[in-house]
N, C-alpha and C. Protein backbone atom coordinates (compact mmCIF):
# COMPACT_ATOMS: atom_id res chain seq x y z
N MET A 1 39.63 183.10 96.83
CA MET A 1 39.07 181.85 97.28
C MET A 1 38.20 182.07 98.53
N GLU A 2 38.70 182.89 99.45
CA GLU A 2 37.97 183.17 100.68
C GLU A 2 36.65 183.88 100.38
N GLU A 3 36.65 184.81 99.43
CA GLU A 3 35.43 185.52 99.03
C GLU A 3 34.42 184.54 98.44
N HIS A 4 34.89 183.62 97.62
CA HIS A 4 34.01 182.61 97.02
C HIS A 4 33.36 181.76 98.11
N SER A 5 34.11 181.33 99.09
CA SER A 5 33.58 180.52 100.20
C SER A 5 32.55 181.31 100.99
N ARG A 6 32.81 182.58 101.23
CA ARG A 6 31.87 183.42 101.97
C ARG A 6 30.56 183.54 101.21
N ARG A 7 30.63 183.81 99.89
CA ARG A 7 29.42 183.93 99.07
C ARG A 7 28.67 182.61 99.01
N GLN A 8 29.41 181.52 98.91
CA GLN A 8 28.77 180.21 98.85
C GLN A 8 28.02 179.94 100.16
N GLY A 9 28.62 180.31 101.29
CA GLY A 9 27.98 180.14 102.58
C GLY A 9 26.70 180.97 102.68
N GLN A 10 26.75 182.21 102.16
CA GLN A 10 25.55 183.06 102.18
C GLN A 10 24.46 182.45 101.30
N THR A 11 24.83 181.91 100.17
CA THR A 11 23.86 181.29 99.28
C THR A 11 23.18 180.11 99.96
N TRP A 12 23.97 179.28 100.63
CA TRP A 12 23.40 178.13 101.34
C TRP A 12 22.46 178.58 102.45
N ARG A 13 22.84 179.64 103.17
CA ARG A 13 21.97 180.14 104.23
C ARG A 13 20.66 180.66 103.65
N ARG A 14 20.76 181.39 102.54
CA ARG A 14 19.54 181.90 101.89
C ARG A 14 18.64 180.75 101.45
N LEU A 15 19.23 179.71 100.87
CA LEU A 15 18.45 178.55 100.43
C LEU A 15 17.81 177.85 101.62
N ALA A 16 18.55 177.74 102.70
CA ALA A 16 18.00 177.09 103.90
C ALA A 16 16.82 177.88 104.45
N VAL A 17 16.96 179.20 104.52
CA VAL A 17 15.87 180.05 105.00
C VAL A 17 14.67 179.95 104.07
N ALA A 18 14.92 179.99 102.77
CA ALA A 18 13.83 179.88 101.80
C ALA A 18 13.12 178.53 101.94
N GLY A 19 13.90 177.48 102.15
CA GLY A 19 13.31 176.15 102.33
C GLY A 19 12.46 176.08 103.58
N LEU A 20 12.94 176.65 104.68
CA LEU A 20 12.16 176.66 105.91
C LEU A 20 10.88 177.46 105.74
N MET A 21 10.98 178.59 105.06
CA MET A 21 9.79 179.41 104.83
C MET A 21 8.78 178.66 103.97
N ALA A 22 9.26 177.96 102.96
CA ALA A 22 8.37 177.19 102.10
C ALA A 22 7.66 176.11 102.89
N CYS A 23 8.39 175.45 103.80
CA CYS A 23 7.78 174.43 104.65
C CYS A 23 6.70 175.05 105.54
N ALA A 24 7.01 176.19 106.12
CA ALA A 24 6.05 176.84 107.00
C ALA A 24 4.80 177.25 106.24
N VAL A 25 4.98 177.79 105.06
CA VAL A 25 3.84 178.22 104.26
C VAL A 25 3.01 177.01 103.83
N SER A 26 3.67 175.93 103.41
CA SER A 26 2.92 174.77 102.96
C SER A 26 2.24 174.06 104.12
N ALA A 27 2.77 174.17 105.34
CA ALA A 27 2.15 173.54 106.50
C ALA A 27 0.97 174.34 107.02
N ALA A 28 0.97 175.63 106.82
CA ALA A 28 -0.08 176.48 107.37
C ALA A 28 -1.48 176.06 106.94
N PRO A 29 -1.74 175.79 105.65
CA PRO A 29 -3.09 175.38 105.29
C PRO A 29 -3.50 174.08 105.95
N ALA A 30 -2.57 173.14 106.12
CA ALA A 30 -2.90 171.88 106.76
C ALA A 30 -3.30 172.11 108.21
N MET A 31 -2.65 173.04 108.87
CA MET A 31 -2.96 173.31 110.26
C MET A 31 -4.31 174.02 110.38
N ALA A 32 -4.61 174.88 109.44
CA ALA A 32 -5.82 175.68 109.53
C ALA A 32 -7.03 174.98 108.93
N ALA A 33 -6.80 173.98 108.10
CA ALA A 33 -7.88 173.35 107.35
C ALA A 33 -8.93 172.71 108.26
N ASP A 34 -8.51 172.04 109.32
CA ASP A 34 -9.44 171.34 110.17
C ASP A 34 -10.26 172.30 111.04
N GLY A 35 -9.61 173.30 111.57
CA GLY A 35 -10.28 174.23 112.46
C GLY A 35 -10.62 173.55 113.77
N PRO A 36 -11.16 174.30 114.70
CA PRO A 36 -11.48 173.72 116.00
C PRO A 36 -12.64 172.73 115.91
N LYS A 37 -12.60 171.74 116.79
CA LYS A 37 -13.69 170.77 116.92
C LYS A 37 -14.52 171.24 118.11
N ILE A 38 -15.79 171.52 117.86
CA ILE A 38 -16.64 172.12 118.89
C ILE A 38 -17.92 171.31 119.05
N ARG A 39 -18.29 171.13 120.29
CA ARG A 39 -19.55 170.46 120.61
C ARG A 39 -20.37 171.43 121.44
N GLN A 40 -21.63 171.62 121.09
CA GLN A 40 -22.49 172.54 121.85
C GLN A 40 -23.46 171.73 122.69
N VAL A 41 -23.57 172.11 123.97
CA VAL A 41 -24.46 171.41 124.89
C VAL A 41 -25.35 172.42 125.60
N GLU A 42 -26.54 171.96 125.97
CA GLU A 42 -27.47 172.82 126.69
C GLU A 42 -27.42 172.47 128.17
N ARG A 43 -26.46 173.07 128.84
CA ARG A 43 -26.26 172.91 130.28
C ARG A 43 -25.67 174.20 130.78
N SER A 44 -25.60 174.34 132.08
CA SER A 44 -25.01 175.56 132.62
C SER A 44 -23.51 175.57 132.35
N TYR A 45 -22.98 176.77 132.19
CA TYR A 45 -21.54 176.93 131.96
C TYR A 45 -20.75 176.29 133.10
N GLU A 46 -21.20 176.53 134.33
CA GLU A 46 -20.49 176.00 135.50
C GLU A 46 -20.43 174.48 135.48
N ASP A 47 -21.53 173.84 135.07
CA ASP A 47 -21.55 172.37 135.00
C ASP A 47 -20.60 171.85 133.93
N VAL A 48 -20.62 172.47 132.77
CA VAL A 48 -19.73 172.04 131.68
C VAL A 48 -18.28 172.29 132.09
N ARG A 49 -18.00 173.41 132.71
CA ARG A 49 -16.65 173.73 133.18
C ARG A 49 -16.16 172.70 134.18
N PHE A 50 -17.03 172.33 135.11
CA PHE A 50 -16.71 171.32 136.12
C PHE A 50 -16.41 169.98 135.45
N ASP A 51 -17.25 169.59 134.50
CA ASP A 51 -17.05 168.32 133.79
C ASP A 51 -15.79 168.34 132.94
N LEU A 52 -15.47 169.48 132.34
CA LEU A 52 -14.25 169.59 131.54
C LEU A 52 -13.01 169.44 132.42
N GLU A 53 -13.02 170.12 133.54
CA GLU A 53 -11.90 170.02 134.47
C GLU A 53 -11.74 168.58 134.96
N ASN A 54 -12.85 167.94 135.32
CA ASN A 54 -12.78 166.55 135.79
C ASN A 54 -12.32 165.59 134.69
N ALA A 55 -12.72 165.85 133.45
CA ALA A 55 -12.30 164.99 132.35
C ALA A 55 -10.78 165.02 132.19
N ILE A 56 -10.18 166.14 132.48
CA ILE A 56 -8.71 166.27 132.42
C ILE A 56 -8.09 165.57 133.63
N ILE A 57 -8.57 165.90 134.80
CA ILE A 57 -8.01 165.37 136.05
C ILE A 57 -8.19 163.85 136.12
N ASN A 58 -9.34 163.36 135.68
CA ASN A 58 -9.61 161.91 135.73
C ASN A 58 -8.64 161.10 134.89
N ARG A 59 -7.93 161.74 134.00
CA ARG A 59 -6.92 161.06 133.18
C ARG A 59 -5.53 161.18 133.80
N GLY A 60 -5.48 161.69 135.01
CA GLY A 60 -4.21 161.82 135.71
C GLY A 60 -3.39 163.02 135.26
N LEU A 61 -4.04 163.98 134.63
CA LEU A 61 -3.35 165.16 134.12
C LEU A 61 -3.60 166.35 135.05
N VAL A 62 -2.71 167.31 134.98
CA VAL A 62 -2.79 168.50 135.83
C VAL A 62 -3.01 169.72 134.95
N ILE A 63 -3.99 170.52 135.31
CA ILE A 63 -4.24 171.77 134.59
C ILE A 63 -3.18 172.77 135.02
N ASP A 64 -2.35 173.19 134.06
CA ASP A 64 -1.26 174.11 134.35
C ASP A 64 -1.71 175.56 134.41
N HIS A 65 -2.71 175.88 133.60
CA HIS A 65 -3.11 177.28 133.50
C HIS A 65 -4.54 177.36 132.99
N VAL A 66 -5.28 178.33 133.50
CA VAL A 66 -6.60 178.64 132.97
C VAL A 66 -6.52 180.04 132.40
N SER A 67 -6.78 180.13 131.12
CA SER A 67 -6.76 181.42 130.44
C SER A 67 -8.19 181.97 130.42
N ASN A 68 -8.41 183.07 131.11
CA ASN A 68 -9.73 183.68 131.21
C ASN A 68 -9.96 184.64 130.04
N VAL A 69 -10.15 184.07 128.89
CA VAL A 69 -10.27 184.85 127.65
C VAL A 69 -11.46 185.79 127.71
N GLY A 70 -12.60 185.32 128.18
CA GLY A 70 -13.79 186.16 128.26
C GLY A 70 -13.57 187.37 129.14
N ASP A 71 -12.97 187.16 130.31
CA ASP A 71 -12.69 188.27 131.22
C ASP A 71 -11.74 189.28 130.59
N MET A 72 -10.73 188.77 129.90
CA MET A 72 -9.75 189.67 129.27
C MET A 72 -10.43 190.54 128.21
N LEU A 73 -11.30 189.94 127.38
CA LEU A 73 -11.97 190.72 126.34
C LEU A 73 -12.91 191.76 126.94
N THR A 74 -13.59 191.40 128.01
CA THR A 74 -14.47 192.35 128.69
C THR A 74 -13.66 193.50 129.28
N ARG A 75 -12.56 193.15 129.94
CA ARG A 75 -11.72 194.15 130.60
C ARG A 75 -11.07 195.13 129.61
N THR A 76 -10.74 194.65 128.42
CA THR A 76 -10.00 195.48 127.47
C THR A 76 -10.86 196.08 126.36
N ALA A 77 -12.16 195.84 126.38
CA ALA A 77 -13.04 196.31 125.30
C ALA A 77 -12.90 197.82 125.07
N ALA A 78 -13.01 198.60 126.12
CA ALA A 78 -12.93 200.05 125.97
C ALA A 78 -11.56 200.49 125.47
N ASP A 79 -10.52 199.78 125.90
CA ASP A 79 -9.15 200.12 125.49
C ASP A 79 -8.94 200.00 123.99
N VAL A 80 -9.69 199.10 123.36
CA VAL A 80 -9.53 198.90 121.91
C VAL A 80 -10.70 199.49 121.13
N GLY A 81 -11.54 200.27 121.81
CA GLY A 81 -12.63 200.96 121.14
C GLY A 81 -13.79 200.07 120.76
N SER A 82 -14.04 199.01 121.53
CA SER A 82 -15.14 198.10 121.22
C SER A 82 -16.21 198.17 122.29
N GLN A 83 -17.44 197.97 121.86
CA GLN A 83 -18.55 197.89 122.80
C GLN A 83 -19.24 196.54 122.69
N THR A 84 -18.67 195.65 121.92
CA THR A 84 -19.27 194.34 121.67
C THR A 84 -18.91 193.36 122.78
N GLN A 85 -19.92 192.72 123.33
CA GLN A 85 -19.68 191.65 124.30
C GLN A 85 -19.62 190.35 123.49
N VAL A 86 -18.45 189.75 123.41
CA VAL A 86 -18.26 188.53 122.63
C VAL A 86 -18.77 187.32 123.40
N PHE A 87 -18.42 187.23 124.68
CA PHE A 87 -18.75 186.06 125.49
C PHE A 87 -19.45 186.46 126.78
N VAL A 88 -20.29 185.58 127.27
CA VAL A 88 -20.79 185.67 128.63
C VAL A 88 -19.71 185.07 129.53
N ASN A 89 -19.17 183.92 129.10
CA ASN A 89 -18.07 183.23 129.77
C ASN A 89 -17.20 182.60 128.70
N ALA A 90 -15.88 182.57 128.94
CA ALA A 90 -14.98 181.90 128.00
C ALA A 90 -13.65 181.63 128.69
N GLU A 91 -13.22 180.37 128.62
CA GLU A 91 -11.94 179.99 129.21
C GLU A 91 -11.26 178.93 128.34
N ALA A 92 -9.95 178.89 128.45
CA ALA A 92 -9.16 177.82 127.85
C ALA A 92 -8.36 177.18 128.99
N LEU A 93 -8.39 175.86 129.05
CA LEU A 93 -7.66 175.12 130.08
C LEU A 93 -6.45 174.48 129.42
N LEU A 94 -5.27 174.75 129.95
CA LEU A 94 -4.03 174.25 129.37
C LEU A 94 -3.42 173.20 130.29
N PHE A 95 -2.94 172.13 129.68
CA PHE A 95 -2.37 171.01 130.42
C PHE A 95 -1.45 170.22 129.49
N CYS A 96 -0.73 169.28 130.07
CA CYS A 96 0.17 168.45 129.28
C CYS A 96 0.11 167.02 129.78
N SER A 97 0.56 166.10 128.97
CA SER A 97 0.71 164.70 129.34
C SER A 97 2.18 164.36 129.15
N ALA A 98 2.84 163.98 130.24
CA ALA A 98 4.27 163.65 130.14
C ALA A 98 4.50 162.53 129.13
N ARG A 99 3.66 161.50 129.18
CA ARG A 99 3.83 160.35 128.28
C ARG A 99 3.62 160.75 126.82
N LEU A 100 2.51 161.40 126.53
CA LEU A 100 2.22 161.76 125.14
C LEU A 100 3.16 162.84 124.62
N SER A 101 3.50 163.80 125.47
CA SER A 101 4.42 164.85 125.04
C SER A 101 5.79 164.29 124.74
N ARG A 102 6.25 163.39 125.59
CA ARG A 102 7.56 162.77 125.36
C ARG A 102 7.56 162.00 124.05
N ALA A 103 6.52 161.21 123.82
CA ALA A 103 6.45 160.43 122.57
C ALA A 103 6.45 161.36 121.35
N ALA A 104 5.69 162.44 121.44
CA ALA A 104 5.61 163.38 120.31
C ALA A 104 6.94 164.07 120.07
N MET A 105 7.60 164.49 121.15
CA MET A 105 8.85 165.24 120.99
C MET A 105 10.03 164.33 120.69
N GLU A 106 9.99 163.08 121.15
CA GLU A 106 11.04 162.14 120.75
C GLU A 106 10.92 161.83 119.26
N ALA A 107 9.70 161.83 118.75
CA ALA A 107 9.49 161.58 117.32
C ALA A 107 9.94 162.78 116.49
N ALA A 108 9.72 163.99 117.01
CA ALA A 108 10.11 165.21 116.30
C ALA A 108 10.18 166.35 117.31
N ALA A 109 11.36 166.87 117.53
CA ALA A 109 11.57 167.92 118.53
C ALA A 109 10.65 169.11 118.32
N GLU A 110 10.32 169.43 117.08
CA GLU A 110 9.47 170.60 116.81
C GLU A 110 8.04 170.42 117.31
N ASN A 111 7.66 169.20 117.70
CA ASN A 111 6.34 168.99 118.29
C ASN A 111 6.21 169.69 119.64
N LEU A 112 7.30 170.23 120.15
CA LEU A 112 7.26 171.08 121.34
C LEU A 112 6.24 172.20 121.14
N ALA A 113 6.08 172.65 119.93
CA ALA A 113 5.17 173.76 119.62
C ALA A 113 3.73 173.47 120.05
N PHE A 114 3.37 172.20 120.21
CA PHE A 114 1.99 171.84 120.53
C PHE A 114 1.72 171.73 122.03
N CYS A 115 2.75 171.87 122.83
CA CYS A 115 2.61 171.71 124.27
C CYS A 115 2.59 173.10 124.92
N PRO A 116 1.72 173.43 125.82
CA PRO A 116 0.72 172.56 126.42
C PRO A 116 -0.49 172.41 125.50
N TYR A 117 -1.29 171.39 125.79
CA TYR A 117 -2.52 171.15 125.05
C TYR A 117 -3.60 172.06 125.61
N SER A 118 -4.62 172.30 124.81
CA SER A 118 -5.65 173.25 125.23
C SER A 118 -7.04 172.75 124.85
N VAL A 119 -7.95 172.89 125.78
CA VAL A 119 -9.37 172.70 125.51
C VAL A 119 -10.06 173.98 125.95
N PHE A 120 -11.20 174.27 125.39
CA PHE A 120 -11.86 175.54 125.71
C PHE A 120 -13.36 175.35 125.84
N LEU A 121 -13.98 176.33 126.46
CA LEU A 121 -15.43 176.37 126.52
C LEU A 121 -15.86 177.83 126.55
N TYR A 122 -17.04 178.07 126.00
CA TYR A 122 -17.55 179.44 125.99
C TYR A 122 -19.06 179.45 125.86
N GLU A 123 -19.62 180.58 126.26
CA GLU A 123 -21.04 180.85 126.13
C GLU A 123 -21.16 182.26 125.58
N THR A 124 -21.99 182.44 124.57
CA THR A 124 -22.14 183.75 123.94
C THR A 124 -23.45 184.42 124.39
N PRO A 125 -23.50 185.74 124.30
CA PRO A 125 -24.70 186.46 124.74
C PRO A 125 -25.96 186.08 123.94
N ASP A 126 -25.79 185.71 122.68
CA ASP A 126 -26.95 185.37 121.85
C ASP A 126 -27.39 183.92 122.00
N ALA A 127 -26.67 183.15 122.82
CA ALA A 127 -27.03 181.74 123.01
C ALA A 127 -26.79 181.33 124.47
N THR A 128 -27.32 182.12 125.39
CA THR A 128 -27.12 181.78 126.80
C THR A 128 -27.80 180.44 127.09
N GLY A 129 -27.14 179.66 127.94
CA GLY A 129 -27.65 178.33 128.24
C GLY A 129 -27.13 177.26 127.28
N LYS A 130 -26.44 177.69 126.23
CA LYS A 130 -25.80 176.77 125.29
C LYS A 130 -24.30 177.00 125.40
N VAL A 131 -23.60 175.98 125.81
CA VAL A 131 -22.16 176.09 126.02
C VAL A 131 -21.43 175.31 124.94
N SER A 132 -20.47 175.95 124.32
CA SER A 132 -19.63 175.30 123.33
C SER A 132 -18.35 174.85 124.01
N VAL A 133 -17.98 173.60 123.80
CA VAL A 133 -16.76 173.04 124.38
C VAL A 133 -15.98 172.39 123.24
N GLY A 134 -14.67 172.62 123.22
CA GLY A 134 -13.93 172.08 122.09
C GLY A 134 -12.42 172.10 122.27
N TYR A 135 -11.76 171.80 121.16
CA TYR A 135 -10.30 171.78 121.11
C TYR A 135 -9.87 172.05 119.68
N ARG A 136 -8.60 172.40 119.53
CA ARG A 136 -8.02 172.62 118.21
C ARG A 136 -7.17 171.39 117.89
N PRO A 137 -7.58 170.59 116.88
CA PRO A 137 -6.79 169.40 116.54
C PRO A 137 -5.38 169.80 116.09
N LEU A 138 -4.42 169.01 116.51
CA LEU A 138 -3.03 169.25 116.11
C LEU A 138 -2.79 168.60 114.76
N PRO A 139 -1.97 169.23 113.91
CA PRO A 139 -1.71 168.65 112.59
C PRO A 139 -0.83 167.40 112.72
N GLU A 140 -1.30 166.31 112.15
CA GLU A 140 -0.58 165.04 112.19
C GLU A 140 0.39 165.00 111.02
N THR A 141 1.58 165.56 111.24
CA THR A 141 2.57 165.69 110.18
C THR A 141 3.89 165.06 110.60
N GLY A 142 4.80 165.01 109.66
CA GLY A 142 6.14 164.51 109.94
C GLY A 142 6.25 163.02 109.71
N SER A 143 7.17 162.43 110.45
CA SER A 143 7.44 161.00 110.31
C SER A 143 6.23 160.17 110.77
N GLU A 144 6.29 158.90 110.50
CA GLU A 144 5.21 158.01 110.94
C GLU A 144 5.08 158.05 112.46
N ALA A 145 6.20 158.07 113.17
CA ALA A 145 6.18 158.14 114.63
C ALA A 145 5.56 159.45 115.11
N SER A 146 5.88 160.54 114.44
CA SER A 146 5.33 161.84 114.81
C SER A 146 3.82 161.85 114.57
N ARG A 147 3.40 161.38 113.42
CA ARG A 147 1.96 161.35 113.11
C ARG A 147 1.20 160.49 114.13
N ALA A 148 1.78 159.35 114.50
CA ALA A 148 1.13 158.47 115.46
C ALA A 148 1.03 159.13 116.84
N ALA A 149 2.10 159.78 117.26
CA ALA A 149 2.10 160.44 118.57
C ALA A 149 1.09 161.57 118.61
N ILE A 150 1.04 162.38 117.56
CA ILE A 150 0.09 163.49 117.52
C ILE A 150 -1.34 162.97 117.42
N ALA A 151 -1.54 161.87 116.72
CA ALA A 151 -2.88 161.27 116.64
C ALA A 151 -3.35 160.86 118.04
N GLU A 152 -2.44 160.37 118.87
CA GLU A 152 -2.79 160.02 120.26
C GLU A 152 -3.19 161.25 121.05
N VAL A 153 -2.48 162.35 120.84
CA VAL A 153 -2.84 163.60 121.53
C VAL A 153 -4.23 164.05 121.08
N ASN A 154 -4.49 164.00 119.78
CA ASN A 154 -5.80 164.39 119.27
C ASN A 154 -6.91 163.51 119.84
N ALA A 155 -6.63 162.21 119.99
CA ALA A 155 -7.61 161.30 120.58
C ALA A 155 -7.87 161.67 122.04
N LEU A 156 -6.82 162.04 122.76
CA LEU A 156 -6.97 162.48 124.14
C LEU A 156 -7.86 163.72 124.21
N LEU A 157 -7.57 164.72 123.39
CA LEU A 157 -8.35 165.95 123.39
C LEU A 157 -9.81 165.68 123.03
N ALA A 158 -10.03 164.85 122.02
CA ALA A 158 -11.39 164.51 121.61
C ALA A 158 -12.13 163.80 122.74
N GLY A 159 -11.45 162.89 123.43
CA GLY A 159 -12.08 162.17 124.54
C GLY A 159 -12.46 163.09 125.69
N ILE A 160 -11.58 164.03 125.99
CA ILE A 160 -11.85 164.99 127.06
C ILE A 160 -13.08 165.83 126.72
N VAL A 161 -13.14 166.33 125.50
CA VAL A 161 -14.27 167.16 125.08
C VAL A 161 -15.55 166.33 125.04
N GLU A 162 -15.46 165.11 124.56
CA GLU A 162 -16.62 164.23 124.51
C GLU A 162 -17.17 163.97 125.91
N GLU A 163 -16.27 163.69 126.84
CA GLU A 163 -16.70 163.44 128.22
C GLU A 163 -17.35 164.68 128.83
N ALA A 164 -16.74 165.82 128.64
CA ALA A 164 -17.26 167.07 129.21
C ALA A 164 -18.57 167.48 128.56
N GLY A 165 -18.72 167.15 127.29
CA GLY A 165 -19.93 167.55 126.57
C GLY A 165 -21.07 166.56 126.67
N GLY A 166 -20.81 165.44 127.36
CA GLY A 166 -21.87 164.43 127.51
C GLY A 166 -23.06 164.99 128.25
N GLU A 167 -24.22 164.58 127.83
CA GLU A 167 -25.43 165.11 128.46
C GLU A 167 -26.16 164.06 129.23
């Protein structure tokens, strides 16, 4: 009897893992389907960066971290055997909203995965003077409350990028 219970428990664990994997696989295309939302503007990188930072701060939000992606790629190019300059400048600004994050996570704890939020800007060597500013939309999945909360986050990100990209 004890052996049967042990095997039954293993079977349930395997089914649970398989179910979680199936959910992850089926969610992946939905997350990747939209891709980043990018707006290109013809202004100096410094001006767009300043406007992006202000668009975040003007909403009462605090930038938690600036990821200097362009600097990192330049610094590590030789280490990975590359001679390609991908960016002239590139950064991602990370921040959170206590109100929106709480609503999203109260609706579904797994929405923690989306925090902090991120907006980015970059300039490439082949398009100097043209700055791309954007964000990665979050997948609006789960319960109705979760979808509504994530839709609010996406609206926030879109508004920030729109404000920063205004000409």
